[in-house]
Protein backbone atom coordinates (compact mmCIF):
# COMPACT_ATOMS: atom_id res chain seq x y z
CA PHE A 1 0.02 -0.22 -0.15
CA GLU A 2 2.66 2.26 -0.13
CA ASP A 3 1.90 2.97 -3.73
CA HIS A 4 -0.77 4.47 -2.53
CA PRO A 5 -0.99 8.34 -2.03
CA ILE A 6 -3.49 8.36 0.65
CA LEU A 7 -2.34 6.45 3.65
CA HIS A 8 0.37 5.49 5.38
CA GLN A 9 0.61 3.12 8.18
CA ASN A 10 0.82 4.85 11.99
CA SER A 11 2.00 2.86 15.05
CA GLU A 12 -0.79 3.78 17.60
CA PHE A 13 -3.21 1.64 15.81
CA CYS A 14 -4.61 -1.76 17.23
CA CYS A 15 -2.63 -4.66 15.96
CA TRP A 16 -6.00 -5.81 14.73
CA THR A 17 -6.92 -3.23 13.30
CA MET A 18 -3.74 -2.60 11.49
CA SER A 19 -4.38 -5.41 8.40
CA PHE A 20 -7.05 -3.11 7.27
CA ALA A 21 -5.12 -0.31 7.66
CA SER A 22 -4.44 0.70 3.74
CA PHE A 23 -6.36 0.00 0.91
CA SER A 24 -6.09 -3.67 0.29
CA ARG A 25 -6.62 -6.06 -2.62
CA VAL A 26 -9.09 -8.69 -1.01
CA SER A 27 -8.52 -12.05 -2.54
CA SER A 28 -11.63 -14.16 -2.63
CA ARG A 29 -11.36 -16.21 -0.28
CA GLN A 30 -11.02 -13.71 2.13
CA ARG A 31 -14.00 -11.98 0.66
CA GLN A 32 -16.02 -14.92 1.80
CA GLN A 33 -14.32 -14.38 5.07
CA MET A 34 -15.46 -10.79 5.61
CA PRO A 35 -18.63 -11.16 7.22
CA LEU A 36 -17.46 -13.20 9.89
CA LEU A 37 -13.95 -11.32 10.26
CA LEU A 38 -16.10 -8.05 10.37
CA LEU A 39 -18.16 -9.73 12.96
CA LEU A 40 -15.19 -10.45 14.91
CA LEU A 41 -13.76 -7.24 14.41
CA SER A 42 -17.00 -5.08 15.83
CA CYS A 43 -16.90 -7.55 19.12
CA PHE A 44 -13.59 -6.28 21.16
CA PRO A 45 -13.80 -2.84 22.67
CA ALA A 46 -11.75 -3.84 25.69
CA ILE A 47 -8.83 -3.61 23.24
CA THR A 48 -9.86 -0.33 21.50
CA ASN A 49 -9.85 2.99 22.59
CA GLY A 50 -12.45 4.61 20.19
CA CYS A 51 -14.51 4.13 17.77
CA THR A 52 -13.50 1.92 14.25
CA ASN A 53 -14.46 1.91 10.66
CA ILE A 54 -14.03 -0.70 8.58
CA LEU A 55 -15.01 -0.30 4.97
CA VAL A 56 -15.47 -2.73 2.06
CA THR A 57 -16.35 -1.92 -1.14
CA PRO A 58 -18.06 -4.09 -3.65
CA GLY A 59 -15.18 -5.69 -5.36
CA ALA A 60 -13.75 -6.69 -2.08
CA SER A 61 -16.95 -8.65 -1.41
CA ALA A 62 -17.96 -12.13 -1.79
CA LYS A 63 -21.80 -10.53 -2.59
CA SER A 64 -20.31 -7.53 -5.03
CA GLU A 65 -21.72 -5.34 -2.18
CA PRO A 66 -20.26 -3.03 0.02
CA MET A 67 -19.97 -2.69 3.61
CA LEU A 68 -19.15 -0.45 6.45
CA ALA A 69 -18.52 -1.86 9.99
CA TYR A 70 -19.17 0.94 12.81
CA ALA A 71 -17.53 0.56 16.06
CA ALA A 72 -18.46 3.43 18.38
CA ASP A 73 -16.83 2.74 22.08
CA SER A 74 -19.09 4.70 24.42
CA ALA A 75 -20.98 3.35 26.74
CA ASN A 76 -23.38 6.45 26.24
CA LEU A 77 -24.55 5.12 23.19
CA MET A 78 -25.71 1.65 24.27
CA GLY A 79 -28.58 0.61 22.97
CA TYR A 80 -29.76 3.51 20.66
CA LEU A 81 -31.12 3.47 16.97
CA TYR A 82 -32.08 6.59 15.67
CA HIS A 83 -35.42 6.66 13.80
CA TYR A 84 -35.80 9.41 11.90
CA PRO A 85 -39.16 9.19 9.31
CA SER A 86 -39.95 10.23 6.48
CA ILE A 87 -41.03 13.79 6.07
CA GLU A 88 -42.56 16.22 3.88
CA SER A 89 -42.80 20.21 3.71
CA SER A 90 -43.74 22.24 1.87
CA SER A 91 -42.87 25.40 4.01
CA SER A 92 -38.89 27.09 3.93
CA GLU A 93 -40.31 28.58 7.35
CA LYS A 94 -39.97 25.27 9.24
CA THR A 95 -37.02 25.30 11.01
CA ARG A 96 -35.39 22.27 13.09
CA LYS A 97 -33.60 22.62 16.44
CA VAL A 98 -30.25 20.50 16.46
CA TYR A 99 -28.46 19.70 19.50
CA GLY A 100 -25.09 18.35 20.13
CA TRP A 101 -24.84 14.65 19.62
CA ASP A 102 -22.11 14.07 22.89
CA SER A 103 -23.58 16.59 24.60
CA GLY A 104 -27.24 17.08 24.36
CA GLU A 105 -26.40 21.00 23.92
CA TYR A 106 -28.86 23.06 22.07
CA LEU A 107 -26.70 24.46 19.26
CA GLY A 108 -29.09 26.32 17.16
CA SER A 109 -31.70 25.51 14.15
CA ILE A 110 -32.19 25.26 10.99
CA PRO A 111 -34.60 26.02 8.34
CA GLU A 112 -36.64 22.22 7.63
CA TYR A 113 -35.71 20.67 4.16
CA ASN A 114 -38.33 21.84 1.71
CA GLY A 115 -39.42 18.71 0.40
CA ARG A 116 -39.59 14.81 1.08
CA THR A 117 -36.14 13.60 3.64
CA TYR A 118 -35.90 9.84 3.85
CA ASN A 119 -36.22 7.36 6.07
CA VAL A 120 -33.22 6.67 8.56
CA VAL A 121 -33.07 4.01 10.72
CA GLY A 122 -29.68 3.91 12.71
CA ASN A 123 -26.93 5.42 10.40
CA ALA A 124 -28.85 4.26 7.11
CA ASN A 125 -31.20 5.40 4.96
CA GLU A 126 -33.77 3.85 2.55
CA ALA A 127 -31.78 4.85 -0.33
CA GLY A 128 -29.12 2.09 1.14
CA LEU A 129 -26.70 5.33 2.01
CA VAL A 130 -24.78 4.42 5.28
CA ILE A 131 -22.55 6.99 7.39
CA GLY A 132 -20.37 6.41 9.68
CA GLU A 133 -17.33 8.03 11.41
CA THR A 134 -14.27 8.40 14.26
CA THR A 135 -13.49 11.78 15.41
CA PHE A 136 -9.02 12.35 15.11
CA GLY A 137 -9.55 16.03 16.95
CA GLY A 138 -6.42 17.92 15.05
CA ILE A 139 -4.73 21.39 16.59
CA GLU A 140 -6.48 23.22 18.56
CA LYS A 141 -6.37 26.07 16.18
CA LEU A 142 -8.83 24.28 14.09
CA THR A 143 -10.88 21.96 16.53
CA THR A 144 -12.27 25.37 18.53
CA PRO A 145 -15.70 25.75 16.42
CA ARG A 146 -17.34 29.34 15.94
CA GLU A 147 -19.13 31.02 18.39
CA ASP A 148 -22.27 30.89 16.20
CA ALA A 149 -21.31 27.40 13.96
CA ILE A 150 -24.90 24.88 14.61
CA ILE A 151 -24.03 21.56 12.85
CA ASP A 152 -21.99 19.38 15.24
CA TYR A 153 -20.39 16.04 13.54
CA GLY A 154 -23.28 13.71 14.90
CA SER A 155 -26.00 15.96 13.62
CA LEU A 156 -24.39 16.45 10.28
CA ILE A 157 -24.60 12.59 10.13
CA TYR A 158 -28.61 12.46 10.32
CA ILE A 159 -29.08 15.53 8.65
CA THR A 160 -26.95 13.98 5.74
CA LEU A 161 -29.02 11.01 5.60
CA GLN A 162 -32.14 12.39 5.62
CA ARG A 163 -31.01 14.63 2.62
CA SER A 164 -28.73 12.84 0.57
CA ALA A 165 -29.29 9.51 -1.33
CA THR A 166 -26.03 8.48 -2.37
CA ALA A 167 -22.58 9.21 -0.69
CA ARG A 168 -21.57 11.93 -3.76
CA GLU A 169 -24.68 13.38 -2.81
CA ALA A 170 -23.51 13.57 1.05
CA ILE A 171 -20.82 14.86 0.23
CA GLN A 172 -21.98 17.71 -0.77
CA THR A 173 -24.75 18.44 1.12
CA MET A 174 -21.98 18.11 4.08
CA ILE A 175 -19.84 20.98 2.44
CA ASP A 176 -23.25 22.93 2.21
CA LEU A 177 -25.18 22.83 5.68
CA THR A 178 -21.51 23.75 7.57
CA ASP A 179 -20.34 26.24 5.00
CA GLN A 180 -23.94 27.82 6.00
CA TYR A 181 -24.61 26.93 8.94
CA GLY A 182 -20.88 26.23 10.55
CA TYR A 183 -18.93 23.16 12.19
CA ALA A 184 -19.34 22.60 15.52
CA SER A 185 -17.01 20.40 15.98
CA GLU A 186 -13.24 18.38 15.73
CA GLY A 187 -11.26 16.72 13.02
CA GLU A 188 -13.39 13.59 11.64
CA SER A 189 -12.92 11.32 9.28
CA PHE A 190 -16.15 9.62 7.85
CA SER A 191 -17.00 6.88 6.24
CA ILE A 192 -20.01 7.46 3.50
CA VAL A 193 -21.01 4.41 1.93
CA ASP A 194 -24.49 3.82 -1.30
CA SER A 195 -24.46 0.70 -3.20
CA ASN A 196 -21.75 1.23 -5.66
CA GLU A 197 -19.01 3.59 -4.21
CA VAL A 198 -17.45 3.65 -1.21
CA TRP A 199 -15.74 7.54 0.25
CA TRP A 200 -13.86 8.51 3.24
CA MET A 201 -13.98 12.25 3.85
CA GLU A 202 -11.42 13.89 6.64
CA VAL A 203 -12.90 17.18 7.88
CA ILE A 204 -11.35 19.68 10.04
CA GLY A 205 -13.35 23.63 11.04
CA ARG A 206 -11.84 26.82 9.27
CA GLY A 207 -10.86 27.61 13.40
CA ARG A 208 -12.90 30.20 15.68
CA ASP A 209 -11.45 33.41 14.24
CA ASN A 210 -11.83 32.97 10.40
CA PRO A 211 -14.21 34.80 8.85
CA ARG A 212 -15.22 31.77 6.49
CA GLN A 213 -18.17 29.06 8.28
CA GLY A 214 -17.75 25.22 7.66
CA PHE A 215 -14.55 22.85 7.57
CA VAL A 216 -11.81 22.13 5.11
CA TYR A 217 -11.63 18.06 3.93
CA VAL A 218 -10.02 15.83 1.23
CA ALA A 219 -12.31 13.14 0.43
CA ALA A 220 -11.24 10.30 -0.98
CA ARG A 221 -13.27 7.27 -3.01
CA VAL A 222 -11.91 3.88 -2.00
CA PRO A 223 -10.90 1.77 -5.06
CA ASP A 224 -12.79 -1.19 -6.16
CA GLY A 225 -11.41 -4.43 -4.65
CA TYR A 226 -9.92 -2.74 -1.95
CA VAL A 227 -10.79 -2.31 1.66
CA ALA A 228 -9.44 0.70 3.80
CA SER A 229 -9.75 1.15 7.65
CA HIS A 230 -9.74 4.37 10.17
CA ALA A 231 -9.50 4.15 14.06
CA ASN A 232 -9.52 7.58 15.67
CA GLN A 233 -6.65 9.06 13.37
CA ALA A 234 -6.30 11.12 10.32
CA ARG A 235 -4.85 9.23 7.55
CA ILE A 236 -5.13 10.64 4.28
CA THR A 237 -1.98 12.48 3.55
CA THR A 238 -0.96 13.54 -0.22
CA PHE A 239 -3.56 13.27 -2.77
CA PRO A 240 -3.49 14.21 -6.10
CA ARG A 241 -5.29 16.92 -6.99
CA ASP A 242 -6.33 16.73 -10.83
CA ASP A 243 -8.80 13.81 -10.25
CA PRO A 244 -12.39 14.75 -9.62
CA GLU A 245 -13.67 11.19 -9.82
CA ASN A 246 -12.22 10.13 -6.73
CA TYR A 247 -10.79 12.60 -4.49
CA LEU A 248 -12.59 15.95 -4.06
CA TYR A 249 -11.44 19.11 -1.78
CA SER A 250 -11.93 21.94 -0.35
CA ASP A 251 -10.74 24.95 -2.20
CA ASP A 252 -8.81 26.46 0.42
CA VAL A 253 -7.40 23.50 2.24
CA VAL A 254 -3.82 24.13 1.43
CA SER A 255 -3.82 28.27 1.71
CA LEU A 256 -5.08 27.57 5.47
CA ALA A 257 -2.31 24.74 6.00
CA LYS A 258 -0.13 27.66 4.81
CA SER A 259 -2.14 30.27 6.64
CA LEU A 260 -1.17 28.33 9.83
CA GLY A 261 2.40 27.82 9.06
CA LEU A 262 1.55 23.59 8.54
CA TYR A 263 2.77 23.33 5.41
CA GLU A 264 4.68 24.99 2.72
């Protein structure tokens, strides 16, 4: 995997996670064993320190179907199964209250979606879109949100699932929501999977004093036939800026890093 521009190995990963830490091509025998392996890996909270996502592309699956395994190592979430039924709204005057997923704190209100939303159960919607995450934090300059930021990472997941049908639509929805209403969380890695594509999106806020709302991001499509994993560690490093079919990024991702002295 060293030839792939997106990932590097990290010694802080748990040993069982490291075998999935790259875009690894999967053999036919491994495809047969994948469902059992995903189940086993999600059942060892004693050796984890946070969330873990394992992403499987259709070409790496015995049934040619994508999969996402999402383990959230939090006792506060035990037993929760979120449900957001489909609703139809024709009024732009209706609003929805947004509460922090971790804190329960009221963050603000945004206009309700004008049209029909998708039925959402857990982290999946009726269109077959699934979104997971792991938190990587980041430097203090970027992890402290603006005071008027409304959308935290958990709200972002579920509002996006209500409003998007595909992975690419979800990426754009997440960008639009945070650009307009602000991003109120730390750095996050999002797994975004539909029936055809598997995407990995890493985001971090622009900082409290930045006049521009939202986050900077890089999103990469996991090549078909590969699996990938992330566990509370930012993993996207270098990436091409001339391949929009496979890599998407904010227009200021480089300039912001330069302005903070993080990149030359």
